[in-house]
Amino acid sequence: MALTVDKQQTREGETIYTARCLEKSYHFEISGRGGNAAEAEQDFLNKIAELRTRLDEVSQISQASA
């Protein structure tokens, strides 16, 4: 899997974590932001959990329609 995770600091002092996956058949990007690294990491992990939930919903819908 072609996966990268980057950490950036904005001029305003905000921290941003961004994960990118650029596979041939699918792509995604997830970013977490916060006033410091701990807040950004927590936001990042919350968004990963939300994405996991959405992917579970897609799987359930595809199973129901098969």
N, C-alpha and C. Protein backbone atom coordinates (compact mmCIF):
# COMPACT_ATOMS: atom_id res chain seq x y z
N MET A 1 0.86 -1.18 0.00
CA MET A 1 0.00 0.00 0.00
C MET A 1 0.90 1.24 0.00
N ALA A 2 0.60 2.17 -0.87
CA ALA A 2 1.35 3.42 -0.95
C ALA A 2 0.74 4.41 0.05
N LEU A 3 1.27 4.41 1.27
CA LEU A 3 0.71 5.22 2.34
C LEU A 3 1.78 6.14 2.90
N THR A 4 1.43 7.42 3.03
CA THR A 4 2.33 8.38 3.66
C THR A 4 1.58 9.10 4.77
N VAL A 5 2.30 9.47 5.82
CA VAL A 5 1.74 10.27 6.90
C VAL A 5 2.70 11.44 7.12
N ASP A 6 2.15 12.65 7.04
CA ASP A 6 2.95 13.87 7.19
C ASP A 6 2.45 14.68 8.38
N LYS A 7 3.38 15.35 9.02
CA LYS A 7 3.04 16.28 10.10
C LYS A 7 3.50 17.67 9.67
N GLN A 8 2.60 18.65 9.80
CA GLN A 8 2.93 20.03 9.42
C GLN A 8 2.59 20.97 10.57
N GLN A 9 3.29 22.06 10.62
CA GLN A 9 3.01 23.13 11.57
C GLN A 9 2.68 24.38 10.76
N THR A 10 1.50 24.97 11.01
CA THR A 10 1.12 26.18 10.28
C THR A 10 1.77 27.41 10.92
N ARG A 11 1.72 28.51 10.22
CA ARG A 11 2.25 29.76 10.76
C ARG A 11 1.52 30.19 12.03
N GLU A 12 0.25 29.80 12.11
CA GLU A 12 -0.56 30.16 13.27
C GLU A 12 -0.28 29.25 14.46
N GLY A 13 0.57 28.23 14.28
CA GLY A 13 0.91 27.32 15.37
C GLY A 13 0.08 26.06 15.41
N GLU A 14 -0.83 25.90 14.47
CA GLU A 14 -1.67 24.71 14.43
C GLU A 14 -0.88 23.53 13.87
N THR A 15 -1.13 22.34 14.39
CA THR A 15 -0.49 21.12 13.90
C THR A 15 -1.48 20.36 13.03
N ILE A 16 -1.00 19.80 11.92
CA ILE A 16 -1.84 19.04 11.01
C ILE A 16 -1.15 17.72 10.68
N TYR A 17 -1.85 16.63 10.91
CA TYR A 17 -1.40 15.31 10.46
C TYR A 17 -2.22 14.94 9.24
N THR A 18 -1.56 14.48 8.18
CA THR A 18 -2.27 14.09 6.97
C THR A 18 -1.76 12.73 6.51
N ALA A 19 -2.68 11.79 6.33
CA ALA A 19 -2.36 10.48 5.77
C ALA A 19 -2.93 10.42 4.36
N ARG A 20 -2.11 9.94 3.43
CA ARG A 20 -2.55 9.80 2.04
C ARG A 20 -2.25 8.39 1.56
N CYS A 21 -3.20 7.83 0.84
CA CYS A 21 -3.03 6.53 0.21
C CYS A 21 -3.41 6.68 -1.25
N LEU A 22 -2.48 6.36 -2.12
CA LEU A 22 -2.72 6.52 -3.56
C LEU A 22 -2.51 5.18 -4.25
N GLU A 23 -3.44 4.29 -4.03
CA GLU A 23 -3.41 2.99 -4.70
C GLU A 23 -3.99 3.12 -6.11
N LYS A 24 -3.70 2.17 -6.94
CA LYS A 24 -4.19 2.22 -8.33
C LYS A 24 -5.71 2.23 -8.40
N SER A 25 -6.36 1.44 -7.55
CA SER A 25 -7.82 1.31 -7.65
C SER A 25 -8.59 2.17 -6.64
N TYR A 26 -7.92 2.82 -5.73
CA TYR A 26 -8.59 3.71 -4.78
C TYR A 26 -7.60 4.70 -4.18
N HIS A 27 -8.14 5.81 -3.70
CA HIS A 27 -7.35 6.87 -3.09
C HIS A 27 -8.09 7.39 -1.87
N PHE A 28 -7.34 7.82 -0.86
CA PHE A 28 -7.97 8.54 0.24
C PHE A 28 -6.95 9.45 0.92
N GLU A 29 -7.50 10.44 1.62
CA GLU A 29 -6.69 11.37 2.40
C GLU A 29 -7.46 11.69 3.66
N ILE A 30 -6.79 11.64 4.78
CA ILE A 30 -7.39 11.97 6.08
C ILE A 30 -6.49 12.98 6.76
N SER A 31 -7.08 14.04 7.30
CA SER A 31 -6.30 15.05 8.02
C SER A 31 -6.88 15.28 9.40
N GLY A 32 -5.99 15.47 10.35
CA GLY A 32 -6.38 15.84 11.71
C GLY A 32 -5.70 17.15 12.09
N ARG A 33 -6.45 18.04 12.70
CA ARG A 33 -5.92 19.37 13.06
C ARG A 33 -6.10 19.63 14.54
N GLY A 34 -5.19 20.43 15.06
CA GLY A 34 -5.31 20.83 16.45
C GLY A 34 -4.36 21.94 16.81
N GLY A 35 -4.59 22.55 17.95
CA GLY A 35 -3.75 23.63 18.43
C GLY A 35 -2.36 23.18 18.82
N ASN A 36 -2.21 21.87 19.06
CA ASN A 36 -0.90 21.29 19.35
C ASN A 36 -0.89 19.86 18.82
N ALA A 37 0.24 19.19 18.94
CA ALA A 37 0.38 17.84 18.37
C ALA A 37 -0.60 16.85 18.99
N ALA A 38 -0.82 16.93 20.29
CA ALA A 38 -1.74 15.99 20.95
C ALA A 38 -3.17 16.16 20.45
N GLU A 39 -3.61 17.41 20.30
CA GLU A 39 -4.96 17.67 19.79
C GLU A 39 -5.09 17.22 18.34
N ALA A 40 -4.07 17.47 17.54
CA ALA A 40 -4.10 17.06 16.13
C ALA A 40 -4.14 15.54 16.02
N GLU A 41 -3.36 14.86 16.86
CA GLU A 41 -3.36 13.40 16.83
C GLU A 41 -4.73 12.85 17.22
N GLN A 42 -5.35 13.42 18.24
CA GLN A 42 -6.67 12.95 18.65
C GLN A 42 -7.71 13.18 17.56
N ASP A 43 -7.67 14.34 16.92
CA ASP A 43 -8.58 14.63 15.81
C ASP A 43 -8.35 13.64 14.67
N PHE A 44 -7.09 13.37 14.38
CA PHE A 44 -6.70 12.41 13.33
C PHE A 44 -7.27 11.02 13.65
N LEU A 45 -7.09 10.57 14.88
CA LEU A 45 -7.60 9.25 15.27
C LEU A 45 -9.13 9.20 15.23
N ASN A 46 -9.79 10.28 15.62
CA ASN A 46 -11.25 10.34 15.55
C ASN A 46 -11.73 10.23 14.10
N LYS A 47 -11.04 10.88 13.19
CA LYS A 47 -11.43 10.82 11.78
C LYS A 47 -11.17 9.43 11.19
N ILE A 48 -10.12 8.77 11.64
CA ILE A 48 -9.88 7.39 11.20
C ILE A 48 -11.01 6.49 11.67
N ALA A 49 -11.45 6.66 12.90
CA ALA A 49 -12.57 5.87 13.43
C ALA A 49 -13.84 6.15 12.64
N GLU A 50 -14.07 7.41 12.28
CA GLU A 50 -15.25 7.77 11.49
C GLU A 50 -15.18 7.12 10.11
N LEU A 51 -14.00 7.14 9.50
CA LEU A 51 -13.84 6.51 8.18
C LEU A 51 -14.09 5.00 8.28
N ARG A 52 -13.60 4.39 9.34
CA ARG A 52 -13.83 2.95 9.55
C ARG A 52 -15.33 2.65 9.60
N THR A 53 -16.08 3.50 10.31
CA THR A 53 -17.53 3.34 10.40
C THR A 53 -18.18 3.47 9.02
N ARG A 54 -17.75 4.46 8.25
CA ARG A 54 -18.31 4.67 6.91
C ARG A 54 -18.00 3.48 6.00
N LEU A 55 -16.81 2.94 6.09
CA LEU A 55 -16.45 1.78 5.27
C LEU A 55 -17.26 0.54 5.68
N ASP A 56 -17.53 0.40 6.98
CA ASP A 56 -18.39 -0.69 7.44
C ASP A 56 -19.80 -0.54 6.86
N GLU A 57 -20.31 0.70 6.80
CA GLU A 57 -21.62 0.95 6.23
C GLU A 57 -21.65 0.58 4.75
N VAL A 58 -20.60 0.92 4.02
CA VAL A 58 -20.52 0.57 2.60
C VAL A 58 -20.53 -0.94 2.44
N SER A 59 -19.80 -1.63 3.27
CA SER A 59 -19.74 -3.09 3.20
C SER A 59 -21.11 -3.70 3.49
N GLN A 60 -21.82 -3.18 4.48
CA GLN A 60 -23.14 -3.70 4.81
C GLN A 60 -24.14 -3.46 3.69
N ILE A 61 -24.08 -2.29 3.08
CA ILE A 61 -24.97 -1.97 1.98
C ILE A 61 -24.69 -2.88 0.79
N SER A 62 -23.41 -3.11 0.48
CA SER A 62 -23.09 -3.96 -0.67
C SER A 62 -23.48 -5.40 -0.42
N GLN A 63 -23.40 -5.87 0.83
CA GLN A 63 -23.83 -7.24 1.14
C GLN A 63 -25.33 -7.38 1.03
N ALA A 64 -26.05 -6.35 1.45
CA ALA A 64 -27.51 -6.40 1.39
C ALA A 64 -28.01 -6.36 -0.04
N SER A 65 -27.28 -5.69 -0.92
CA SER A 65 -27.75 -5.58 -2.30
C SER A 65 -27.25 -6.71 -3.19
N ALA A 66 -26.38 -7.56 -2.65
CA ALA A 66 -25.84 -8.67 -3.47
C ALA A 66 -26.81 -9.82 -3.57
